[in-house]
Amino acid sequence: MTLKFCPKCKTFIVPQKKNNKFFVKCLNCGFSKDIKEQDKLITNEKVESPKIIGKGVVKDENKFATYKHKCKKCGYNKAQVLDLGIFYSDEDNLILLKCGKCGYSERIGKKTS
């Protein structure tokens, strides 16, 4: 059944079921009409659940983690070097070491205040 509107007051009419009979009723003016056999309501509809793409934290190691550095969080001994460049001309480059196992990032170099 498609979305229908009341012929009297032009508002949305609500499909209802009573005593195994289907009909539509306007909640505004009280108009009601029986539904024909071919226009029966869909009372049960299966909705597919969304496909789960990932399941939490990746268990594989980071293939870019080649620098020897012990992680402060998990103790893994390899890290990926990330050079984020400079934000202002008088600063040093922002260099991060990202753990190859847990992803914890640690800043190295001078800390600016």
N, C-alpha and C. Protein backbone atom coordinates (compact mmCIF):
# COMPACT_ATOMS: atom_id res chain seq x y z
N MET A 1 0.84 -1.18 0.00
CA MET A 1 0.00 0.00 0.00
C MET A 1 0.89 1.24 0.00
N THR A 2 0.54 2.18 -0.81
CA THR A 2 1.30 3.42 -0.88
C THR A 2 0.78 4.41 0.14
N LEU A 3 1.53 5.46 0.34
CA LEU A 3 1.14 6.52 1.26
C LEU A 3 -0.10 7.24 0.70
N LYS A 4 -1.13 7.36 1.54
CA LYS A 4 -2.37 7.98 1.06
C LYS A 4 -2.76 9.13 1.96
N PHE A 5 -3.59 10.03 1.38
CA PHE A 5 -4.04 11.21 2.11
C PHE A 5 -5.57 11.26 2.11
N CYS A 6 -6.12 11.87 3.11
CA CYS A 6 -7.57 11.98 3.29
C CYS A 6 -8.17 12.85 2.18
N PRO A 7 -9.26 12.38 1.54
CA PRO A 7 -9.88 13.21 0.49
C PRO A 7 -10.62 14.42 1.05
N LYS A 8 -10.99 14.39 2.34
CA LYS A 8 -11.73 15.52 2.94
C LYS A 8 -10.79 16.64 3.42
N CYS A 9 -9.83 16.26 4.28
CA CYS A 9 -9.00 17.31 4.90
C CYS A 9 -7.55 17.31 4.42
N LYS A 10 -7.19 16.41 3.52
CA LYS A 10 -5.86 16.34 2.89
C LYS A 10 -4.72 16.06 3.87
N THR A 11 -5.01 15.37 4.99
CA THR A 11 -3.95 14.96 5.91
C THR A 11 -3.67 13.48 5.71
N PHE A 12 -2.60 13.02 6.30
CA PHE A 12 -2.16 11.63 6.17
C PHE A 12 -3.17 10.69 6.84
N ILE A 13 -3.53 9.60 6.13
CA ILE A 13 -4.43 8.61 6.73
C ILE A 13 -3.62 7.41 7.18
N VAL A 14 -3.97 6.91 8.37
CA VAL A 14 -3.20 5.87 9.03
C VAL A 14 -3.82 4.51 8.76
N PRO A 15 -3.01 3.53 8.29
CA PRO A 15 -3.55 2.18 8.10
C PRO A 15 -3.73 1.50 9.46
N GLN A 16 -4.83 0.77 9.62
CA GLN A 16 -5.13 0.08 10.87
C GLN A 16 -5.73 -1.29 10.58
N LYS A 17 -5.72 -2.14 11.62
CA LYS A 17 -6.28 -3.49 11.50
C LYS A 17 -7.20 -3.73 12.70
N LYS A 18 -8.41 -4.22 12.42
CA LYS A 18 -9.36 -4.52 13.49
C LYS A 18 -10.19 -5.73 13.06
N ASN A 19 -10.23 -6.77 13.91
CA ASN A 19 -10.97 -8.00 13.61
C ASN A 19 -10.56 -8.60 12.26
N ASN A 20 -9.27 -8.67 12.01
CA ASN A 20 -8.70 -9.21 10.76
C ASN A 20 -9.17 -8.47 9.51
N LYS A 21 -9.61 -7.23 9.66
CA LYS A 21 -9.98 -6.37 8.53
C LYS A 21 -9.04 -5.18 8.52
N PHE A 22 -8.59 -4.84 7.35
CA PHE A 22 -7.70 -3.70 7.19
C PHE A 22 -8.49 -2.50 6.68
N PHE A 23 -8.18 -1.34 7.23
CA PHE A 23 -8.80 -0.10 6.78
C PHE A 23 -7.86 1.06 7.07
N VAL A 24 -8.14 2.19 6.43
CA VAL A 24 -7.37 3.41 6.68
C VAL A 24 -8.28 4.41 7.37
N LYS A 25 -7.69 5.18 8.29
CA LYS A 25 -8.50 6.13 9.05
C LYS A 25 -7.75 7.44 9.19
N CYS A 26 -8.47 8.53 9.01
CA CYS A 26 -7.90 9.86 9.20
C CYS A 26 -8.04 10.23 10.67
N LEU A 27 -6.96 10.58 11.30
CA LEU A 27 -6.98 10.95 12.71
C LEU A 27 -7.47 12.39 12.92
N ASN A 28 -7.54 13.16 11.84
CA ASN A 28 -7.96 14.55 11.94
C ASN A 28 -9.48 14.69 11.85
N CYS A 29 -10.10 14.11 10.79
CA CYS A 29 -11.54 14.30 10.60
C CYS A 29 -12.35 13.03 10.82
N GLY A 30 -11.71 11.87 10.97
CA GLY A 30 -12.42 10.64 11.24
C GLY A 30 -12.81 9.84 10.02
N PHE A 31 -12.45 10.28 8.82
CA PHE A 31 -12.74 9.55 7.59
C PHE A 31 -12.11 8.16 7.65
N SER A 32 -12.84 7.12 7.23
CA SER A 32 -12.28 5.78 7.18
C SER A 32 -12.74 5.08 5.91
N LYS A 33 -11.95 4.13 5.45
CA LYS A 33 -12.24 3.41 4.21
C LYS A 33 -11.61 2.03 4.31
N ASP A 34 -12.35 1.00 3.87
CA ASP A 34 -11.81 -0.36 3.84
C ASP A 34 -10.75 -0.46 2.75
N ILE A 35 -9.79 -1.33 2.98
CA ILE A 35 -8.72 -1.53 2.00
C ILE A 35 -9.06 -2.74 1.17
N LYS A 36 -8.89 -2.61 -0.14
CA LYS A 36 -9.18 -3.72 -1.05
C LYS A 36 -8.13 -4.82 -0.87
N GLU A 37 -8.45 -5.98 -1.36
CA GLU A 37 -7.58 -7.15 -1.21
C GLU A 37 -6.20 -6.92 -1.82
N GLN A 38 -6.11 -6.25 -2.97
CA GLN A 38 -4.82 -6.04 -3.61
C GLN A 38 -4.00 -4.95 -2.93
N ASP A 39 -4.64 -4.12 -2.12
CA ASP A 39 -3.93 -3.04 -1.43
C ASP A 39 -3.59 -3.39 0.01
N LYS A 40 -3.63 -4.68 0.38
CA LYS A 40 -3.44 -5.07 1.78
C LYS A 40 -2.13 -4.53 2.34
N LEU A 41 -2.15 -4.32 3.62
CA LEU A 41 -0.98 -3.80 4.31
C LEU A 41 0.10 -4.85 4.42
N ILE A 42 1.31 -4.40 4.48
CA ILE A 42 2.43 -5.28 4.78
C ILE A 42 2.59 -5.23 6.29
N THR A 43 2.20 -6.31 6.96
CA THR A 43 2.25 -6.31 8.42
C THR A 43 3.60 -6.78 8.94
N ASN A 44 4.24 -7.68 8.23
CA ASN A 44 5.56 -8.17 8.63
C ASN A 44 6.53 -7.94 7.49
N GLU A 45 7.63 -7.34 7.80
CA GLU A 45 8.64 -7.06 6.78
C GLU A 45 10.00 -7.37 7.35
N LYS A 46 10.80 -8.12 6.61
CA LYS A 46 12.14 -8.45 7.07
C LYS A 46 13.08 -7.31 6.68
N VAL A 47 13.81 -6.84 7.66
CA VAL A 47 14.80 -5.81 7.42
C VAL A 47 16.17 -6.44 7.60
N GLU A 48 16.99 -6.35 6.57
CA GLU A 48 18.31 -6.94 6.65
C GLU A 48 19.18 -6.12 7.58
N SER A 49 19.92 -6.82 8.42
CA SER A 49 20.84 -6.11 9.31
C SER A 49 22.05 -5.65 8.51
N PRO A 50 22.63 -4.52 8.90
CA PRO A 50 23.78 -4.01 8.16
C PRO A 50 24.97 -4.95 8.28
N LYS A 51 25.75 -5.03 7.23
CA LYS A 51 26.93 -5.88 7.24
C LYS A 51 28.00 -5.27 8.13
N ILE A 52 28.58 -6.10 8.97
CA ILE A 52 29.64 -5.64 9.86
C ILE A 52 30.95 -5.69 9.09
N ILE A 53 31.59 -4.55 8.94
CA ILE A 53 32.79 -4.46 8.13
C ILE A 53 34.03 -4.79 8.96
N GLY A 54 34.11 -4.27 10.17
CA GLY A 54 35.27 -4.51 11.01
C GLY A 54 34.87 -5.00 12.37
N LYS A 55 35.80 -5.59 13.08
CA LYS A 55 35.50 -6.08 14.42
C LYS A 55 36.52 -5.54 15.39
N GLY A 56 36.48 -4.25 15.66
CA GLY A 56 37.33 -3.67 16.68
C GLY A 56 38.74 -3.36 16.20
N VAL A 57 39.69 -3.51 17.10
CA VAL A 57 41.07 -3.15 16.85
C VAL A 57 41.72 -4.19 15.94
N VAL A 58 42.50 -3.73 15.00
CA VAL A 58 43.20 -4.62 14.10
C VAL A 58 44.26 -5.39 14.87
N LYS A 59 44.32 -6.69 14.65
CA LYS A 59 45.28 -7.51 15.38
C LYS A 59 46.60 -7.64 14.62
N ASP A 60 46.62 -7.26 13.36
CA ASP A 60 47.86 -7.32 12.59
C ASP A 60 48.79 -6.19 13.00
N GLU A 61 50.05 -6.43 12.83
CA GLU A 61 51.04 -5.39 13.14
C GLU A 61 51.11 -4.40 11.98
N ASN A 62 51.52 -3.20 12.28
CA ASN A 62 51.68 -2.15 11.28
C ASN A 62 52.90 -2.47 10.43
N LYS A 63 52.71 -2.63 9.12
CA LYS A 63 53.84 -2.99 8.25
C LYS A 63 54.81 -1.82 8.05
N PHE A 64 54.40 -0.61 8.39
CA PHE A 64 55.29 0.55 8.28
C PHE A 64 56.11 0.78 9.55
N ALA A 65 55.87 -0.01 10.57
CA ALA A 65 56.60 0.13 11.84
C ALA A 65 57.94 -0.60 11.71
N THR A 66 58.98 0.15 11.35
CA THR A 66 60.30 -0.45 11.16
C THR A 66 61.35 0.17 12.09
N TYR A 67 61.03 1.28 12.73
CA TYR A 67 61.98 1.97 13.60
C TYR A 67 62.01 1.29 14.97
N LYS A 68 63.22 1.05 15.50
CA LYS A 68 63.35 0.40 16.80
C LYS A 68 63.05 1.41 17.90
N HIS A 69 61.96 1.16 18.61
CA HIS A 69 61.53 2.01 19.72
C HIS A 69 60.58 1.22 20.58
N LYS A 70 60.79 1.22 21.89
CA LYS A 70 59.94 0.47 22.81
C LYS A 70 58.74 1.34 23.20
N CYS A 71 57.53 0.80 23.00
CA CYS A 71 56.29 1.51 23.31
C CYS A 71 56.11 1.62 24.82
N LYS A 72 55.73 2.80 25.28
CA LYS A 72 55.51 3.02 26.72
C LYS A 72 54.21 2.37 27.19
N LYS A 73 53.29 2.12 26.27
CA LYS A 73 51.99 1.57 26.66
C LYS A 73 51.98 0.04 26.67
N CYS A 74 52.45 -0.59 25.57
CA CYS A 74 52.36 -2.05 25.49
C CYS A 74 53.71 -2.76 25.48
N GLY A 75 54.82 -2.03 25.30
CA GLY A 75 56.14 -2.64 25.33
C GLY A 75 56.60 -3.21 24.00
N TYR A 76 55.85 -3.02 22.92
CA TYR A 76 56.25 -3.50 21.60
C TYR A 76 57.49 -2.73 21.16
N ASN A 77 58.40 -3.39 20.41
CA ASN A 77 59.69 -2.77 20.14
C ASN A 77 59.84 -2.16 18.74
N LYS A 78 58.77 -1.95 18.00
CA LYS A 78 58.87 -1.31 16.68
C LYS A 78 57.83 -0.20 16.57
N ALA A 79 58.21 0.87 15.88
CA ALA A 79 57.30 2.01 15.72
C ALA A 79 57.40 2.58 14.32
N GLN A 80 56.37 3.26 13.92
CA GLN A 80 56.35 3.97 12.64
C GLN A 80 56.68 5.42 12.90
N VAL A 81 57.54 5.99 12.08
CA VAL A 81 57.93 7.40 12.23
C VAL A 81 56.99 8.24 11.36
N LEU A 82 56.34 9.21 11.99
CA LEU A 82 55.45 10.12 11.28
C LEU A 82 55.99 11.53 11.40
N ASP A 83 56.33 12.13 10.28
CA ASP A 83 56.81 13.51 10.27
C ASP A 83 55.67 14.39 9.78
N LEU A 84 55.09 15.16 10.69
CA LEU A 84 53.95 16.00 10.35
C LEU A 84 54.34 17.39 9.87
N GLY A 85 55.64 17.66 9.77
CA GLY A 85 56.10 18.94 9.25
C GLY A 85 56.07 20.03 10.29
N ILE A 86 56.03 21.26 9.81
CA ILE A 86 56.03 22.41 10.73
C ILE A 86 54.73 23.18 10.58
N PHE A 87 54.31 23.82 11.66
CA PHE A 87 53.10 24.64 11.63
C PHE A 87 53.44 26.12 11.50
N TYR A 88 54.56 26.52 12.13
CA TYR A 88 55.04 27.90 12.03
C TYR A 88 56.50 27.86 11.62
N SER A 89 57.00 28.92 11.03
CA SER A 89 58.36 28.91 10.48
C SER A 89 59.44 28.83 11.55
N ASP A 90 59.16 29.21 12.78
CA ASP A 90 60.18 29.18 13.82
C ASP A 90 60.13 27.91 14.67
N GLU A 91 59.35 26.89 14.27
CA GLU A 91 59.24 25.65 15.02
C GLU A 91 60.02 24.53 14.34
N ASP A 92 60.33 23.50 15.11
CA ASP A 92 60.92 22.29 14.56
C ASP A 92 59.79 21.43 13.98
N ASN A 93 60.19 20.43 13.20
CA ASN A 93 59.20 19.49 12.67
C ASN A 93 58.54 18.73 13.82
N LEU A 94 57.29 18.39 13.63
CA LEU A 94 56.56 17.59 14.61
C LEU A 94 56.72 16.13 14.20
N ILE A 95 57.46 15.36 14.99
CA ILE A 95 57.74 13.97 14.68
C ILE A 95 57.10 13.09 15.74
N LEU A 96 56.30 12.11 15.28
CA LEU A 96 55.63 11.19 16.17
C LEU A 96 56.12 9.77 15.91
N LEU A 97 56.20 8.97 16.97
CA LEU A 97 56.48 7.55 16.85
C LEU A 97 55.20 6.81 17.20
N LYS A 98 54.65 6.10 16.22
CA LYS A 98 53.39 5.38 16.40
C LYS A 98 53.70 3.90 16.56
N CYS A 99 53.25 3.32 17.67
CA CYS A 99 53.51 1.92 17.97
C CYS A 99 52.94 1.02 16.87
N GLY A 100 53.71 0.00 16.49
CA GLY A 100 53.28 -0.91 15.43
C GLY A 100 52.22 -1.90 15.87
N LYS A 101 51.99 -2.02 17.16
CA LYS A 101 51.02 -2.99 17.66
C LYS A 101 49.73 -2.32 18.17
N CYS A 102 49.86 -1.39 19.12
CA CYS A 102 48.65 -0.80 19.72
C CYS A 102 48.28 0.57 19.14
N GLY A 103 49.19 1.22 18.39
CA GLY A 103 48.87 2.50 17.76
C GLY A 103 49.12 3.71 18.64
N TYR A 104 49.68 3.51 19.84
CA TYR A 104 49.97 4.63 20.74
C TYR A 104 51.00 5.54 20.09
N SER A 105 50.77 6.85 20.09
CA SER A 105 51.68 7.81 19.48
C SER A 105 52.42 8.60 20.56
N GLU A 106 53.70 8.78 20.32
CA GLU A 106 54.55 9.51 21.26
C GLU A 106 55.33 10.57 20.48
N ARG A 107 55.35 11.77 20.99
CA ARG A 107 56.04 12.87 20.33
C ARG A 107 57.50 12.85 20.72
N ILE A 108 58.38 13.06 19.75
CA ILE A 108 59.80 13.14 20.04
C ILE A 108 60.32 14.49 19.57
N GLY A 109 61.48 14.87 20.07
CA GLY A 109 62.06 16.15 19.68
C GLY A 109 61.78 17.20 20.74
N LYS A 110 62.07 18.45 20.38
CA LYS A 110 61.87 19.55 21.32
C LYS A 110 60.37 19.78 21.53
N LYS A 111 60.02 20.03 22.77
CA LYS A 111 58.63 20.38 23.09
C LYS A 111 58.55 21.89 23.17
N THR A 112 57.64 22.48 22.42
CA THR A 112 57.46 23.93 22.44
C THR A 112 56.39 24.29 23.45
N SER A 113 56.55 25.42 24.07
CA SER A 113 55.55 25.82 25.06
C SER A 113 54.81 27.05 24.64
